[in-house]
Amino acid sequence: MHPHLNHLSSDLCRGILEFAEGRALGKSGLRWLRIHLANLYGAGVEKLSYDGRLEFVENHLNDIVDSADNPLGGNRWWLTAEDPFQCLAACINLSEALTHTLTHVTFDFF
């Protein structure tokens, strides 16, 4: 592995890192994934209450899914984030989690 590709490196390096094995999100994992995405977006959103961050993500769900499905040809909302590559990775993870959730289990998002 390249020495600059680590969890303490640049946004680009951090955005492409993934765990080797996926794990189930668990009971509250989807909530924390949403909060994580809001934190990565920045622009003051990370300073909102947890409920405010969850609301931010809910209000931008179409942008998040568009970013995940079509990062270069879509509206590229992820590029407006303070940490764009990490935000894009979180958009992809959240979109996949929501797709999996909708097809397998129903969760209370708030």
N, C-alpha and C. Protein backbone atom coordinates (compact mmCIF):
# COMPACT_ATOMS: atom_id res chain seq x y z
N MET A 1 0.84 -1.17 0.00
CA MET A 1 0.00 0.00 0.00
C MET A 1 0.89 1.24 0.00
N HIS A 2 0.48 2.24 -0.70
CA HIS A 2 1.22 3.49 -0.79
C HIS A 2 1.24 4.17 0.57
N PRO A 3 2.38 4.77 0.97
CA PRO A 3 2.48 5.36 2.31
C PRO A 3 1.55 6.53 2.55
N HIS A 4 1.11 7.21 1.49
CA HIS A 4 0.20 8.34 1.66
C HIS A 4 -1.27 7.92 1.69
N LEU A 5 -1.52 6.68 1.37
CA LEU A 5 -2.89 6.17 1.37
C LEU A 5 -3.20 5.61 2.76
N ASN A 6 -3.68 6.49 3.63
CA ASN A 6 -4.01 6.07 4.99
C ASN A 6 -5.12 6.96 5.53
N HIS A 7 -5.61 6.62 6.69
CA HIS A 7 -6.75 7.32 7.27
C HIS A 7 -6.41 8.72 7.79
N LEU A 8 -5.15 9.10 7.76
CA LEU A 8 -4.74 10.44 8.20
C LEU A 8 -4.33 11.33 7.04
N SER A 9 -4.48 10.85 5.83
CA SER A 9 -4.01 11.56 4.65
C SER A 9 -5.07 12.54 4.13
N SER A 10 -4.96 12.90 2.87
CA SER A 10 -5.84 13.89 2.25
C SER A 10 -7.27 13.36 2.09
N ASP A 11 -8.15 14.28 1.74
CA ASP A 11 -9.55 13.92 1.50
C ASP A 11 -9.67 12.84 0.44
N LEU A 12 -8.93 12.96 -0.65
CA LEU A 12 -8.99 11.97 -1.72
C LEU A 12 -8.58 10.59 -1.21
N CYS A 13 -7.47 10.51 -0.49
CA CYS A 13 -7.01 9.23 0.04
C CYS A 13 -8.01 8.65 1.03
N ARG A 14 -8.54 9.49 1.88
CA ARG A 14 -9.49 9.01 2.87
C ARG A 14 -10.80 8.58 2.22
N GLY A 15 -11.17 9.24 1.11
CA GLY A 15 -12.41 8.92 0.43
C GLY A 15 -12.41 7.58 -0.28
N ILE A 16 -11.23 7.08 -0.64
CA ILE A 16 -11.20 5.80 -1.37
C ILE A 16 -10.93 4.61 -0.46
N LEU A 17 -10.66 4.84 0.81
CA LEU A 17 -10.43 3.73 1.73
C LEU A 17 -11.74 3.03 2.07
N GLU A 18 -11.71 1.73 2.11
CA GLU A 18 -12.86 0.92 2.48
C GLU A 18 -12.39 -0.24 3.36
N PHE A 19 -13.27 -0.72 4.20
CA PHE A 19 -12.96 -1.91 4.97
C PHE A 19 -12.97 -3.12 4.04
N ALA A 20 -12.14 -4.10 4.34
CA ALA A 20 -12.06 -5.29 3.50
C ALA A 20 -13.35 -6.10 3.58
N GLU A 21 -13.98 -6.13 4.74
CA GLU A 21 -15.22 -6.88 4.92
C GLU A 21 -16.31 -5.96 5.44
N GLY A 22 -17.45 -5.98 4.78
CA GLY A 22 -18.57 -5.18 5.22
C GLY A 22 -19.25 -5.79 6.44
N ARG A 23 -19.88 -4.95 7.21
CA ARG A 23 -20.63 -5.39 8.39
C ARG A 23 -22.03 -4.80 8.34
N ALA A 24 -22.94 -5.45 9.00
CA ALA A 24 -24.31 -4.93 9.11
C ALA A 24 -24.27 -3.63 9.92
N LEU A 25 -25.12 -2.68 9.56
CA LEU A 25 -25.14 -1.41 10.26
C LEU A 25 -25.65 -1.54 11.70
N GLY A 26 -26.48 -2.50 11.93
CA GLY A 26 -27.02 -2.65 13.28
C GLY A 26 -28.20 -1.72 13.52
N LYS A 27 -28.66 -1.72 14.75
CA LYS A 27 -29.88 -1.01 15.10
C LYS A 27 -29.81 0.50 14.85
N SER A 28 -28.70 1.14 15.19
CA SER A 28 -28.61 2.59 15.04
C SER A 28 -27.61 3.02 13.96
N GLY A 29 -27.07 2.07 13.22
CA GLY A 29 -26.03 2.37 12.25
C GLY A 29 -26.47 3.29 11.13
N LEU A 30 -27.68 3.15 10.65
CA LEU A 30 -28.17 4.00 9.57
C LEU A 30 -28.26 5.45 10.04
N ARG A 31 -28.68 5.65 11.27
CA ARG A 31 -28.74 7.00 11.84
C ARG A 31 -27.34 7.62 11.90
N TRP A 32 -26.36 6.85 12.38
CA TRP A 32 -25.01 7.37 12.50
C TRP A 32 -24.35 7.57 11.15
N LEU A 33 -24.70 6.78 10.15
CA LEU A 33 -24.18 6.99 8.80
C LEU A 33 -24.68 8.32 8.25
N ARG A 34 -25.93 8.65 8.52
CA ARG A 34 -26.49 9.93 8.09
C ARG A 34 -25.78 11.09 8.78
N ILE A 35 -25.56 10.96 10.08
CA ILE A 35 -24.86 12.00 10.82
C ILE A 35 -23.44 12.16 10.30
N HIS A 36 -22.79 11.05 10.01
CA HIS A 36 -21.43 11.07 9.45
C HIS A 36 -21.40 11.83 8.13
N LEU A 37 -22.35 11.58 7.26
CA LEU A 37 -22.41 12.27 5.98
C LEU A 37 -22.58 13.77 6.19
N ALA A 38 -23.45 14.16 7.11
CA ALA A 38 -23.65 15.59 7.40
C ALA A 38 -22.36 16.21 7.93
N ASN A 39 -21.63 15.48 8.78
CA ASN A 39 -20.36 15.99 9.30
C ASN A 39 -19.35 16.21 8.18
N LEU A 40 -19.31 15.30 7.23
CA LEU A 40 -18.38 15.42 6.11
C LEU A 40 -18.75 16.56 5.18
N TYR A 41 -20.04 16.85 5.08
CA TYR A 41 -20.47 17.94 4.21
C TYR A 41 -19.89 19.26 4.69
N GLY A 42 -19.87 19.45 6.00
CA GLY A 42 -19.29 20.67 6.56
C GLY A 42 -20.19 21.87 6.38
N ALA A 43 -19.60 23.02 6.08
CA ALA A 43 -20.33 24.28 5.85
C ALA A 43 -21.22 24.65 7.03
N GLY A 44 -20.80 24.29 8.22
CA GLY A 44 -21.59 24.60 9.41
C GLY A 44 -22.60 23.54 9.78
N VAL A 45 -22.87 22.62 8.88
CA VAL A 45 -23.85 21.55 9.13
C VAL A 45 -23.37 20.68 10.29
N GLU A 46 -22.05 20.47 10.39
CA GLU A 46 -21.49 19.62 11.45
C GLU A 46 -21.70 20.21 12.84
N LYS A 47 -22.09 21.48 12.91
CA LYS A 47 -22.31 22.13 14.20
C LYS A 47 -23.77 22.08 14.63
N LEU A 48 -24.64 21.59 13.77
CA LEU A 48 -26.06 21.45 14.12
C LEU A 48 -26.22 20.31 15.13
N SER A 49 -27.36 20.29 15.77
CA SER A 49 -27.68 19.16 16.65
C SER A 49 -27.77 17.90 15.80
N TYR A 50 -27.75 16.75 16.45
CA TYR A 50 -27.90 15.50 15.70
C TYR A 50 -29.19 15.51 14.90
N ASP A 51 -30.26 15.97 15.51
CA ASP A 51 -31.54 16.03 14.78
C ASP A 51 -31.45 16.99 13.59
N GLY A 52 -30.73 18.09 13.75
CA GLY A 52 -30.54 19.04 12.65
C GLY A 52 -29.74 18.42 11.51
N ARG A 53 -28.73 17.62 11.86
CA ARG A 53 -27.94 16.95 10.83
C ARG A 53 -28.76 15.89 10.10
N LEU A 54 -29.58 15.17 10.86
CA LEU A 54 -30.45 14.17 10.24
C LEU A 54 -31.45 14.85 9.30
N GLU A 55 -31.95 15.99 9.71
CA GLU A 55 -32.89 16.74 8.86
C GLU A 55 -32.19 17.25 7.60
N PHE A 56 -30.94 17.71 7.73
CA PHE A 56 -30.17 18.15 6.57
C PHE A 56 -30.05 17.02 5.55
N VAL A 57 -29.70 15.84 6.02
CA VAL A 57 -29.55 14.69 5.12
C VAL A 57 -30.90 14.34 4.49
N GLU A 58 -31.94 14.35 5.28
CA GLU A 58 -33.28 14.05 4.75
C GLU A 58 -33.67 15.05 3.66
N ASN A 59 -33.35 16.33 3.87
CA ASN A 59 -33.67 17.38 2.89
C ASN A 59 -32.83 17.26 1.62
N HIS A 60 -31.70 16.58 1.68
CA HIS A 60 -30.83 16.44 0.52
C HIS A 60 -30.75 15.00 0.02
N LEU A 61 -31.71 14.19 0.38
CA LEU A 61 -31.68 12.78 0.00
C LEU A 61 -31.63 12.59 -1.51
N ASN A 62 -32.37 13.40 -2.26
CA ASN A 62 -32.33 13.29 -3.73
C ASN A 62 -30.94 13.61 -4.26
N ASP A 63 -30.29 14.64 -3.69
CA ASP A 63 -28.93 15.00 -4.09
C ASP A 63 -27.95 13.88 -3.75
N ILE A 64 -28.14 13.27 -2.60
CA ILE A 64 -27.25 12.20 -2.13
C ILE A 64 -27.35 10.99 -3.05
N VAL A 65 -28.56 10.59 -3.37
CA VAL A 65 -28.77 9.44 -4.25
C VAL A 65 -28.25 9.76 -5.65
N ASP A 66 -28.50 10.98 -6.14
CA ASP A 66 -27.98 11.39 -7.44
C ASP A 66 -26.46 11.36 -7.46
N SER A 67 -25.83 11.83 -6.38
CA SER A 67 -24.37 11.80 -6.29
C SER A 67 -23.85 10.38 -6.33
N ALA A 68 -24.53 9.48 -5.64
CA ALA A 68 -24.10 8.08 -5.61
C ALA A 68 -24.30 7.40 -6.95
N ASP A 69 -25.43 7.65 -7.58
CA ASP A 69 -25.76 6.97 -8.84
C ASP A 69 -25.02 7.54 -10.05
N ASN A 70 -24.76 8.83 -10.03
CA ASN A 70 -24.17 9.49 -11.19
C ASN A 70 -23.24 10.61 -10.74
N PRO A 71 -22.10 10.27 -10.14
CA PRO A 71 -21.25 11.30 -9.53
C PRO A 71 -20.69 12.33 -10.51
N LEU A 72 -20.43 11.94 -11.73
CA LEU A 72 -19.85 12.89 -12.68
C LEU A 72 -20.87 13.49 -13.64
N GLY A 73 -21.92 12.78 -13.95
CA GLY A 73 -22.90 13.27 -14.90
C GLY A 73 -24.14 13.86 -14.26
N GLY A 74 -24.28 13.71 -12.96
CA GLY A 74 -25.45 14.24 -12.25
C GLY A 74 -25.26 15.69 -11.88
N ASN A 75 -25.94 16.12 -10.82
CA ASN A 75 -25.83 17.52 -10.42
C ASN A 75 -24.60 17.79 -9.56
N ARG A 76 -23.84 16.76 -9.23
CA ARG A 76 -22.56 16.84 -8.52
C ARG A 76 -22.64 17.62 -7.21
N TRP A 77 -23.68 17.36 -6.44
CA TRP A 77 -23.86 18.00 -5.14
C TRP A 77 -22.68 17.73 -4.22
N TRP A 78 -22.10 16.55 -4.31
CA TRP A 78 -21.00 16.16 -3.44
C TRP A 78 -19.80 17.08 -3.57
N LEU A 79 -19.64 17.75 -4.70
CA LEU A 79 -18.51 18.65 -4.89
C LEU A 79 -18.62 19.92 -4.06
N THR A 80 -19.80 20.23 -3.54
CA THR A 80 -19.99 21.42 -2.71
C THR A 80 -19.61 21.16 -1.25
N ALA A 81 -19.28 19.93 -0.91
CA ALA A 81 -18.90 19.58 0.46
C ALA A 81 -17.48 20.04 0.76
N GLU A 82 -17.18 20.23 2.04
CA GLU A 82 -15.82 20.59 2.45
C GLU A 82 -14.84 19.44 2.23
N ASP A 83 -15.31 18.22 2.38
CA ASP A 83 -14.51 17.02 2.11
C ASP A 83 -15.22 16.23 1.01
N PRO A 84 -15.10 16.67 -0.25
CA PRO A 84 -15.94 16.11 -1.31
C PRO A 84 -15.77 14.61 -1.56
N PHE A 85 -14.56 14.09 -1.54
CA PHE A 85 -14.39 12.67 -1.86
C PHE A 85 -14.89 11.78 -0.72
N GLN A 86 -14.69 12.21 0.51
CA GLN A 86 -15.25 11.47 1.63
C GLN A 86 -16.77 11.57 1.62
N CYS A 87 -17.28 12.73 1.25
CA CYS A 87 -18.73 12.92 1.16
C CYS A 87 -19.32 12.01 0.08
N LEU A 88 -18.65 11.93 -1.07
CA LEU A 88 -19.12 11.04 -2.14
C LEU A 88 -19.15 9.60 -1.67
N ALA A 89 -18.10 9.17 -0.97
CA ALA A 89 -18.06 7.80 -0.45
C ALA A 89 -19.22 7.56 0.52
N ALA A 90 -19.50 8.55 1.36
CA ALA A 90 -20.62 8.42 2.31
C ALA A 90 -21.96 8.41 1.56
N CYS A 91 -22.07 9.20 0.49
CA CYS A 91 -23.29 9.19 -0.33
C CYS A 91 -23.52 7.80 -0.91
N ILE A 92 -22.47 7.20 -1.43
CA ILE A 92 -22.58 5.86 -2.00
C ILE A 92 -22.98 4.85 -0.92
N ASN A 93 -22.33 4.94 0.24
CA ASN A 93 -22.65 4.02 1.34
C ASN A 93 -24.09 4.19 1.81
N LEU A 94 -24.53 5.43 1.96
CA LEU A 94 -25.90 5.67 2.41
C LEU A 94 -26.91 5.21 1.37
N SER A 95 -26.64 5.49 0.11
CA SER A 95 -27.55 5.06 -0.96
C SER A 95 -27.67 3.55 -0.99
N GLU A 96 -26.55 2.85 -0.85
CA GLU A 96 -26.58 1.38 -0.82
C GLU A 96 -27.33 0.88 0.41
N ALA A 97 -27.10 1.52 1.55
CA ALA A 97 -27.78 1.11 2.78
C ALA A 97 -29.29 1.32 2.67
N LEU A 98 -29.69 2.44 2.08
CA LEU A 98 -31.12 2.70 1.93
C LEU A 98 -31.76 1.73 0.94
N THR A 99 -31.06 1.43 -0.13
CA THR A 99 -31.57 0.46 -1.10
C THR A 99 -31.72 -0.91 -0.45
N HIS A 100 -30.72 -1.31 0.31
CA HIS A 100 -30.77 -2.59 1.02
C HIS A 100 -31.88 -2.59 2.06
N THR A 101 -32.00 -1.49 2.78
CA THR A 101 -33.01 -1.36 3.83
C THR A 101 -34.41 -1.43 3.24
N LEU A 102 -34.62 -0.74 2.13
CA LEU A 102 -35.95 -0.71 1.52
C LEU A 102 -36.36 -2.07 0.97
N THR A 103 -35.38 -2.87 0.59
CA THR A 103 -35.71 -4.18 0.02
C THR A 103 -35.76 -5.29 1.06
N HIS A 104 -35.22 -5.03 2.28
CA HIS A 104 -35.15 -6.09 3.28
C HIS A 104 -35.86 -5.78 4.60
N VAL A 105 -35.69 -4.58 5.11
CA VAL A 105 -36.19 -4.25 6.43
C VAL A 105 -36.66 -2.81 6.46
N THR A 106 -37.60 -2.48 7.29
CA THR A 106 -38.03 -1.10 7.46
C THR A 106 -37.46 -0.57 8.76
N PHE A 107 -36.82 0.63 8.69
CA PHE A 107 -36.24 1.25 9.86
C PHE A 107 -36.94 2.58 10.13
N ASP A 108 -36.92 3.00 11.37
CA ASP A 108 -37.36 4.34 11.74
C ASP A 108 -36.13 5.22 11.65
N PHE A 109 -36.09 6.17 10.70
CA PHE A 109 -34.89 6.96 10.46
C PHE A 109 -34.61 7.98 11.53
N PHE A 110 -35.59 8.41 12.25
CA PHE A 110 -35.36 9.41 13.30
C PHE A 110 -35.69 8.76 14.59
